[in-house]
Amino acid sequence: MPSQPKRPTALTIAGSDSGGGAGLQADLKAFSAARVHGTTAITCVTAQNPQGVDAIEPVSASLLDQQIAAVCAAFPVRAIKTGMLYSKELVLVVEHWIARTPDIPWVIDPVLISTSGASLLKPDALDAYKTKLFPRAALLTPNISEAEALVGKKITDPEAMREAAKVLFKTYGLPILVKGGHLGAGPTALDILHTGIGEWLLQSPRVHGVKTHGTGCTLAASVAAHLALGKPLLESVIAAKKTVTNAIKNTFRTGHQHVLNP
């Protein structure tokens, strides 16, 4: 009998996007692209498409806990990525598991607002995010609007991105990846990684004429996937940046919608 190939497992704790472009659907595509087995713990079911979010229905805290427990009991989880957590109750479930798994790297994508402008986090959940999750994570991956909300300042250029990353690192004590894809419409798409021991400007040519949905989810999930493969953080971030760039370049259309293709 031929030997069976082995793959590490990554877990995404995130909301479901009925349009298939963001959320856990995007995360699973990113895991698969890196040849990592993807597992899920669903936080919310949403009715959404690339144009907007029409409805959000969270699962119970008990059900989220049971999903994570079921995955961790059966699979050798090597990295965990969180996306939309929505409520304080669900954030506290995640806190319980991040405390129980100190040897597993957690990539926290602080999903606050959708690309279309819908609020994806209840107000009372933000403090729990900041105090319970951020200090224990391996990486925090805010986009421009999320970084603005966390530091309380507008970000209009790369220098402001750098300052925001430094402030977030100083405040929470973990590596910060500020995702700058939504910063203007210049020739390059910029991300800033600040680890406390170094700072890296990651840039790629901006792809014009494509309206993307789910790039932030894909980037954070791809980082988690490469961490699951045993790569160090910087190498994982660089690999994830390449994945997202290629996913945008190879976007396909279905009807009037552009779909990322990692």
Protein backbone atom coordinates (compact mmCIF):
# COMPACT_ATOMS: atom_id res chain seq x y z
CA MET A 1 0.00 0.00 0.00
CA PRO A 2 1.54 3.37 -0.99
CA SER A 3 2.32 5.77 1.83
CA GLN A 4 -0.25 8.48 2.34
CA PRO A 5 0.90 12.10 2.22
CA LYS A 6 0.69 14.02 5.47
CA ARG A 7 -0.41 17.59 5.95
CA PRO A 8 -0.56 19.81 9.03
CA THR A 9 -3.90 21.19 10.19
CA ALA A 10 -4.90 24.82 10.62
CA LEU A 11 -8.11 26.04 12.25
CA THR A 12 -10.10 29.13 11.38
CA ILE A 13 -12.51 30.56 13.92
CA ALA A 14 -14.58 32.92 11.80
CA GLY A 15 -17.91 33.86 10.28
CA SER A 16 -19.44 32.26 7.22
CA ASP A 17 -19.74 34.40 4.08
CA SER A 18 -22.68 33.21 2.00
CA GLY A 19 -21.06 34.83 -1.05
CA GLY A 20 -18.00 32.61 -0.67
CA GLY A 21 -15.50 35.44 -0.98
CA ALA A 22 -14.46 36.27 2.59
CA GLY A 23 -14.76 34.74 6.05
CA LEU A 24 -14.09 31.08 6.63
CA GLN A 25 -14.65 30.30 2.95
CA ALA A 26 -11.70 32.49 2.02
CA ASP A 27 -9.68 31.00 4.86
CA LEU A 28 -10.24 27.44 3.65
CA LYS A 29 -9.12 28.40 0.15
CA ALA A 30 -5.94 29.94 1.57
CA PHE A 31 -5.24 26.86 3.69
CA SER A 32 -5.73 24.59 0.68
CA ALA A 33 -3.46 26.72 -1.50
CA ALA A 34 -0.66 26.21 1.05
CA ARG A 35 -1.38 22.46 1.20
CA VAL A 36 -2.64 22.64 4.77
CA HIS A 37 -5.77 20.83 5.96
CA GLY A 38 -8.36 23.42 6.93
CA THR A 39 -10.81 23.03 9.80
CA THR A 40 -13.44 25.49 11.01
CA ALA A 41 -15.29 26.78 14.03
CA ILE A 42 -18.13 29.00 12.83
CA THR A 43 -18.86 32.09 14.90
CA CYS A 44 -21.65 33.60 12.82
CA VAL A 45 -23.77 32.80 9.81
CA THR A 46 -24.18 35.84 7.59
CA ALA A 47 -26.33 36.75 4.63
CA GLN A 48 -23.91 38.69 2.47
CA ASN A 49 -22.35 39.16 -0.93
CA PRO A 50 -19.59 41.46 -2.20
CA GLN A 51 -21.99 44.41 -2.11
CA GLY A 52 -22.91 44.21 1.57
CA VAL A 53 -23.94 42.33 4.70
CA ASP A 54 -27.71 41.90 5.06
CA ALA A 55 -27.94 39.80 8.23
CA ILE A 56 -25.77 38.28 10.98
CA GLU A 57 -26.77 35.39 13.23
CA PRO A 58 -24.17 34.40 15.86
CA VAL A 59 -23.84 30.88 17.22
CA SER A 60 -24.03 30.29 20.95
CA ALA A 61 -20.87 30.44 23.05
CA SER A 62 -21.41 26.78 23.95
CA LEU A 63 -21.58 25.70 20.31
CA LEU A 64 -18.43 27.63 19.42
CA ASP A 65 -16.61 26.00 22.31
CA GLN A 66 -17.77 22.54 21.22
CA GLN A 67 -16.64 23.14 17.62
CA ILE A 68 -13.13 24.11 18.71
CA ALA A 69 -12.98 21.19 21.14
CA ALA A 70 -14.05 18.72 18.45
CA VAL A 71 -11.37 19.91 16.05
CA CYS A 72 -8.59 19.96 18.64
CA ALA A 73 -9.53 16.49 19.87
CA ALA A 74 -9.16 14.88 16.45
CA PHE A 75 -6.56 16.91 14.55
CA PRO A 76 -2.97 18.04 15.22
CA VAL A 77 -3.75 21.75 14.94
CA ARG A 78 -0.54 23.66 14.19
CA ALA A 79 -1.91 27.20 13.80
CA ILE A 80 -5.17 29.04 14.44
CA LYS A 81 -6.58 32.12 12.72
CA THR A 82 -9.49 34.14 14.04
CA GLY A 83 -11.71 36.33 11.93
CA MET A 84 -15.14 37.70 12.79
CA LEU A 85 -15.87 37.02 16.47
CA TYR A 86 -18.78 39.48 16.74
CA SER A 87 -19.64 39.42 20.47
CA LYS A 88 -17.95 39.55 23.85
CA GLU A 89 -19.32 36.09 24.67
CA LEU A 90 -17.60 34.57 21.63
CA VAL A 91 -14.37 36.48 22.29
CA LEU A 92 -14.29 34.96 25.79
CA VAL A 93 -14.62 31.46 24.35
CA VAL A 94 -11.61 32.19 22.17
CA GLU A 95 -9.75 33.53 25.22
CA HIS A 96 -10.33 30.19 26.94
CA TRP A 97 -8.76 28.32 24.02
CA ILE A 98 -5.86 30.69 23.40
CA ALA A 99 -4.91 30.22 27.06
CA ARG A 100 -5.12 26.42 26.69
CA THR A 101 -2.91 26.30 23.59
CA PRO A 102 0.22 28.33 24.39
CA ASP A 103 2.34 26.32 21.92
CA ILE A 104 0.07 27.04 18.94
CA PRO A 105 0.55 30.33 17.05
CA TRP A 106 -2.65 32.38 16.80
CA VAL A 107 -3.13 34.92 14.03
CA ILE A 108 -5.73 37.46 15.11
CA ASP A 109 -7.46 39.30 12.29
CA PRO A 110 -9.40 41.97 14.24
CA VAL A 111 -12.51 42.04 12.07
CA LEU A 112 -14.35 45.23 13.04
CA ILE A 113 -15.96 46.56 9.87
CA SER A 114 -16.69 44.93 6.51
CA THR A 115 -15.37 46.38 3.26
CA SER A 116 -18.92 47.59 2.56
CA GLY A 117 -19.03 49.43 5.91
CA ALA A 118 -21.12 47.03 8.02
CA SER A 119 -20.20 46.72 11.72
CA LEU A 120 -18.97 43.18 12.43
CA LEU A 121 -18.14 43.55 16.13
CA LYS A 122 -20.41 44.61 18.98
CA PRO A 123 -19.08 47.59 20.94
CA ASP A 124 -18.69 45.69 24.22
CA ALA A 125 -16.49 43.08 22.52
CA LEU A 126 -13.64 45.42 21.61
CA ASP A 127 -12.19 45.72 25.11
CA ALA A 128 -12.25 41.93 25.46
CA TYR A 129 -10.40 41.67 22.16
CA LYS A 130 -7.74 44.09 23.37
CA THR A 131 -7.21 42.65 26.85
CA LYS A 132 -7.87 38.94 26.36
CA LEU A 133 -6.63 38.09 22.87
CA PHE A 134 -4.12 40.61 21.53
CA PRO A 135 -1.40 40.11 24.19
CA ARG A 136 -1.40 36.32 23.66
CA ALA A 137 -1.34 36.18 19.87
CA ALA A 138 1.54 35.52 17.49
CA LEU A 139 0.40 38.20 15.05
CA LEU A 140 -2.24 40.92 14.74
CA THR A 141 -3.35 41.80 11.18
CA PRO A 142 -5.49 44.97 11.09
CA ASN A 143 -6.36 46.63 7.81
CA ILE A 144 -6.24 50.41 7.49
CA SER A 145 -9.70 51.10 8.94
CA GLU A 146 -9.15 48.64 11.78
CA ALA A 147 -5.73 50.12 12.60
CA GLU A 148 -7.31 53.59 12.61
CA ALA A 149 -9.95 52.42 15.07
CA LEU A 150 -7.33 50.80 17.33
CA VAL A 151 -4.93 53.75 17.44
CA GLY A 152 -7.52 56.53 17.14
CA LYS A 153 -5.82 58.30 14.23
CA LYS A 154 -6.33 58.56 10.49
CA ILE A 155 -3.85 56.66 8.31
CA THR A 156 -3.28 58.34 4.96
CA ASP A 157 0.23 57.31 3.92
CA PRO A 158 2.91 54.65 4.53
CA GLU A 159 4.56 56.67 7.28
CA ALA A 160 1.29 56.75 9.20
CA MET A 161 1.05 52.97 8.72
CA ARG A 162 4.51 52.61 10.25
CA GLU A 163 3.56 54.75 13.23
CA ALA A 164 0.34 52.80 13.77
CA ALA A 165 2.25 49.51 13.73
CA LYS A 166 4.72 50.86 16.28
CA VAL A 167 1.93 52.11 18.55
CA LEU A 168 0.08 48.81 18.39
CA PHE A 169 3.26 46.86 19.12
CA LYS A 170 4.07 49.07 22.09
CA THR A 171 0.49 48.81 23.40
CA TYR A 172 -0.07 45.07 23.04
CA GLY A 173 3.41 43.59 22.78
CA LEU A 174 2.98 41.37 19.73
CA PRO A 175 4.03 41.53 16.07
CA ILE A 176 1.79 43.73 13.94
CA LEU A 177 1.02 43.41 10.24
CA VAL A 178 -0.84 46.50 9.00
CA LYS A 179 -2.56 45.57 5.74
CA GLY A 180 -2.43 48.55 3.41
CA GLY A 181 -4.24 47.28 0.35
CA HIS A 182 -7.00 49.84 0.82
CA LEU A 183 -4.57 52.75 1.18
CA GLY A 184 -5.16 54.91 -1.89
CA ALA A 185 -4.83 53.79 -5.49
CA GLY A 186 -1.09 54.13 -6.10
CA PRO A 187 1.06 51.78 -8.17
CA THR A 188 1.95 49.51 -5.23
CA ALA A 189 0.04 47.64 -2.52
CA LEU A 190 1.89 48.10 0.77
CA ASP A 191 1.88 46.17 4.04
CA ILE A 192 3.98 46.94 7.12
CA LEU A 193 5.26 44.21 9.46
CA HIS A 194 6.60 45.40 12.81
CA THR A 195 7.94 42.77 15.21
CA GLY A 196 9.78 44.84 17.79
CA ILE A 197 13.14 43.58 16.53
CA GLY A 198 12.63 44.65 12.95
CA GLU A 199 10.33 46.38 10.50
CA TRP A 200 9.60 45.33 6.93
CA LEU A 201 7.83 47.13 4.11
CA LEU A 202 6.18 44.54 1.88
CA GLN A 203 5.11 45.80 -1.50
CA SER A 204 3.74 44.39 -4.72
CA PRO A 205 2.39 45.95 -7.91
CA ARG A 206 -1.23 46.99 -7.47
CA VAL A 207 -3.62 45.15 -9.78
CA HIS A 208 -6.09 47.62 -11.29
CA GLY A 209 -9.53 46.94 -12.70
CA VAL A 210 -10.40 44.26 -10.15
CA LYS A 211 -12.85 44.81 -7.29
CA THR A 212 -11.70 42.35 -4.67
CA HIS A 213 -13.46 40.89 -1.64
CA GLY A 214 -11.74 38.82 1.05
CA THR A 215 -8.12 39.88 0.58
CA GLY A 216 -7.62 40.60 4.28
CA CYS A 217 -9.05 37.23 5.32
CA THR A 218 -6.91 35.49 2.72
CA LEU A 219 -3.72 37.20 3.87
CA ALA A 220 -4.22 36.41 7.56
CA ALA A 221 -5.27 32.82 6.85
CA SER A 222 -2.30 32.31 4.54
CA VAL A 223 0.06 33.49 7.28
CA ALA A 224 -1.52 30.96 9.64
CA ALA A 225 -1.18 28.23 7.02
CA HIS A 226 2.54 28.83 6.57
CA LEU A 227 3.03 28.96 10.34
CA ALA A 228 1.29 25.56 10.46
CA LEU A 229 3.92 24.33 8.01
CA GLY A 230 6.57 25.28 10.55
CA LYS A 231 7.90 28.40 8.85
CA PRO A 232 9.06 31.40 10.93
CA LEU A 233 6.84 34.46 11.09
CA LEU A 234 8.66 36.68 8.56
CA GLU A 235 8.85 33.89 5.99
CA SER A 236 5.16 33.12 6.56
CA VAL A 237 4.15 36.76 6.06
CA ILE A 238 6.20 37.07 2.86
CA ALA A 239 4.69 33.85 1.49
CA ALA A 240 1.19 35.06 2.38
CA LYS A 241 1.79 38.39 0.63
CA LYS A 242 2.76 36.49 -2.54
CA THR A 243 -0.34 34.33 -2.24
CA VAL A 244 -2.66 37.34 -2.03
CA THR A 245 -0.91 39.12 -4.91
CA ASN A 246 -1.28 36.04 -7.11
CA ALA A 247 -4.88 35.55 -5.96
CA ILE A 248 -5.71 39.07 -7.17
CA LYS A 249 -3.80 38.64 -10.44
CA ASN A 250 -5.67 35.40 -11.13
CA THR A 251 -9.11 36.65 -10.10
CA PHE A 252 -11.92 35.10 -12.11
CA ARG A 253 -15.42 36.34 -12.82
CA THR A 254 -18.74 34.71 -12.17
CA GLY A 255 -21.53 36.89 -13.46
CA HIS A 256 -20.67 40.46 -12.43
CA GLN A 257 -18.59 39.39 -9.41
CA HIS A 258 -14.80 39.18 -9.16
CA VAL A 259 -13.61 36.24 -7.07
CA LEU A 260 -10.13 35.85 -5.60
CA ASN A 261 -8.27 32.77 -6.78
CA PRO A 262 -5.52 31.76 -4.32
